[in-house]
Amino acid sequence: MPARPAEIDLPRVVDRDDLFFALHTRGFDVEPLDGDERCALAVRADEPDLLNALEEWLATTGAPLVTERVSKTEYLLRPVGA
């Protein structure tokens, strides 16, 4: 496992909560990160496993979001076209 958790920012709390549940049920070490208008998750996982889980969640839910890598440990799930 990586020493530093990956952070995933999402546009809405409902998306954050749904993704939290999906990752948690798959056995990921995940916790919500909230504060000052931030809606995010911290996830301890190897990058390929995390990216596969994100893509699977997006495909399963049909959420109109795309994954954008912001830095080595930060991801943004943003609306398509934004």
C-alpha atoms as a PDB file:
ATOM      1  CA  MET A   1       0.000   0.000   0.000  1.00  0.00           C
ATOM      2  CA  PRO A   2       1.184   3.529  -0.675  1.00  0.00           C
ATOM      3  CA  ALA A   3       2.391   5.606   2.276  1.00  0.00           C
ATOM      4  CA  ARG A   4       0.217   8.560   1.331  1.00  0.00           C
ATOM      5  CA  PRO A   5      -3.451   8.094   0.456  1.00  0.00           C
ATOM      6  CA  ALA A   6      -4.784   9.235  -2.887  1.00  0.00           C
ATOM      7  CA  GLU A   7      -7.330  12.028  -2.674  1.00  0.00           C
ATOM      8  CA  ILE A   8     -10.363  12.021  -4.936  1.00  0.00           C
ATOM      9  CA  ASP A   9     -12.402  15.220  -5.240  1.00  0.00           C
ATOM     10  CA  LEU A  10     -16.016  14.920  -6.360  1.00  0.00           C
ATOM     11  CA  PRO A  11     -18.574  17.563  -7.335  1.00  0.00           C
ATOM     12  CA  ARG A  12     -21.426  16.388  -5.081  1.00  0.00           C
ATOM     13  CA  VAL A  13     -21.854  14.770  -1.673  1.00  0.00           C
ATOM     14  CA  VAL A  14     -24.199  12.135  -3.132  1.00  0.00           C
ATOM     15  CA  ASP A  15     -21.407  11.040  -5.525  1.00  0.00           C
ATOM     16  CA  ARG A  16     -18.890  10.995  -2.685  1.00  0.00           C
ATOM     17  CA  ASP A  17     -21.144   8.867  -0.507  1.00  0.00           C
ATOM     18  CA  ASP A  18     -21.917   6.418  -3.315  1.00  0.00           C
ATOM     19  CA  LEU A  19     -18.252   6.053  -4.265  1.00  0.00           C
ATOM     20  CA  PHE A  20     -17.290   5.672  -0.590  1.00  0.00           C
ATOM     21  CA  PHE A  21     -19.707   2.761  -0.236  1.00  0.00           C
ATOM     22  CA  ALA A  22     -18.549   1.151  -3.498  1.00  0.00           C
ATOM     23  CA  LEU A  23     -14.859   1.364  -2.568  1.00  0.00           C
ATOM     24  CA  HIS A  24     -15.447   0.294   1.033  1.00  0.00           C
ATOM     25  CA  THR A  25     -17.410  -2.805   0.005  1.00  0.00           C
ATOM     26  CA  ARG A  26     -14.526  -3.754  -2.318  1.00  0.00           C
ATOM     27  CA  GLY A  27     -12.157  -3.679   0.657  1.00  0.00           C
ATOM     28  CA  PHE A  28     -10.428  -0.350   0.063  1.00  0.00           C
ATOM     29  CA  ASP A  29      -9.215   1.691   3.054  1.00  0.00           C
ATOM     30  CA  VAL A  30     -11.294   4.818   2.412  1.00  0.00           C
ATOM     31  CA  GLU A  31     -12.419   7.811   4.467  1.00  0.00           C
ATOM     32  CA  PRO A  32     -14.332  11.003   3.654  1.00  0.00           C
ATOM     33  CA  LEU A  33     -12.470  14.330   3.566  1.00  0.00           C
ATOM     34  CA  ASP A  34     -14.762  17.268   4.122  1.00  0.00           C
ATOM     35  CA  GLY A  35     -14.293  20.882   4.932  1.00  0.00           C
ATOM     36  CA  ASP A  36     -14.398  24.368   3.497  1.00  0.00           C
ATOM     37  CA  GLU A  37     -16.501  23.489   0.459  1.00  0.00           C
ATOM     38  CA  ARG A  38     -14.504  20.330  -0.222  1.00  0.00           C
ATOM     39  CA  CYS A  39     -16.117  17.020  -1.075  1.00  0.00           C
ATOM     40  CA  ALA A  40     -13.454  14.315  -1.281  1.00  0.00           C
ATOM     41  CA  LEU A  41     -12.252  10.871  -0.284  1.00  0.00           C
ATOM     42  CA  ALA A  42      -8.866   9.634   0.903  1.00  0.00           C
ATOM     43  CA  VAL A  43      -8.101   6.129  -0.368  1.00  0.00           C
ATOM     44  CA  ARG A  44      -5.126   3.912   0.406  1.00  0.00           C
ATOM     45  CA  ALA A  45      -4.662   1.694  -2.620  1.00  0.00           C
ATOM     46  CA  ASP A  46      -2.276   0.906  -5.413  1.00  0.00           C
ATOM     47  CA  GLU A  47      -2.919   3.220  -8.350  1.00  0.00           C
ATOM     48  CA  PRO A  48      -3.936   0.576 -10.917  1.00  0.00           C
ATOM     49  CA  ASP A  49      -6.445  -0.965  -8.480  1.00  0.00           C
ATOM     50  CA  LEU A  50      -7.892   2.433  -7.608  1.00  0.00           C
ATOM     51  CA  LEU A  51      -8.205   3.576 -11.227  1.00  0.00           C
ATOM     52  CA  ASN A  52      -9.880   0.293 -12.184  1.00  0.00           C
ATOM     53  CA  ALA A  53     -12.337   0.686  -9.302  1.00  0.00           C
ATOM     54  CA  LEU A  54     -13.107   4.290 -10.312  1.00  0.00           C
ATOM     55  CA  GLU A  55     -13.745   3.336 -13.937  1.00  0.00           C
ATOM     56  CA  GLU A  56     -15.935   0.429 -12.855  1.00  0.00           C
ATOM     57  CA  TRP A  57     -17.944   2.682 -10.531  1.00  0.00           C
ATOM     58  CA  LEU A  58     -18.419   5.265 -13.297  1.00  0.00           C
ATOM     59  CA  ALA A  59     -19.567   2.575 -15.743  1.00  0.00           C
ATOM     60  CA  THR A  60     -21.894   0.931 -13.225  1.00  0.00           C
ATOM     61  CA  THR A  61     -23.549   4.102 -11.960  1.00  0.00           C
ATOM     62  CA  GLY A  62     -23.621   5.972 -15.251  1.00  0.00           C
ATOM     63  CA  ALA A  63     -22.426   9.054 -13.373  1.00  0.00           C
ATOM     64  CA  PRO A  64     -21.647  11.758 -15.971  1.00  0.00           C
ATOM     65  CA  LEU A  65     -18.121  12.220 -14.615  1.00  0.00           C
ATOM     66  CA  VAL A  66     -14.609  11.689 -15.952  1.00  0.00           C
ATOM     67  CA  THR A  67     -11.431  10.985 -14.010  1.00  0.00           C
ATOM     68  CA  GLU A  68      -8.722  13.638 -14.228  1.00  0.00           C
ATOM     69  CA  ARG A  69      -5.344  13.159 -12.587  1.00  0.00           C
ATOM     70  CA  VAL A  70      -4.339  16.413 -10.888  1.00  0.00           C
ATOM     71  CA  SER A  71      -1.081  15.236  -9.296  1.00  0.00           C
ATOM     72  CA  LYS A  72       0.636  12.003  -8.318  1.00  0.00           C
ATOM     73  CA  THR A  73      -1.843  11.431  -5.485  1.00  0.00           C
ATOM     74  CA  GLU A  74      -4.801  13.657  -6.413  1.00  0.00           C
ATOM     75  CA  TYR A  75      -7.698  12.888  -8.725  1.00  0.00           C
ATOM     76  CA  LEU A  76     -10.733  14.901  -9.721  1.00  0.00           C
ATOM     77  CA  LEU A  77     -13.966  13.314 -10.831  1.00  0.00           C
ATOM     78  CA  ARG A  78     -15.413  16.171 -12.827  1.00  0.00           C
ATOM     79  CA  PRO A  79     -18.524  16.531 -14.985  1.00  0.00           C
ATOM     80  CA  VAL A  80     -18.087  15.629 -18.636  1.00  0.00           C
ATOM     81  CA  GLY A  81     -17.331  18.743 -20.666  1.00  0.00           C
ATOM     82  CA  ALA A  82     -16.330  20.858 -17.669  1.00  0.00           C
END
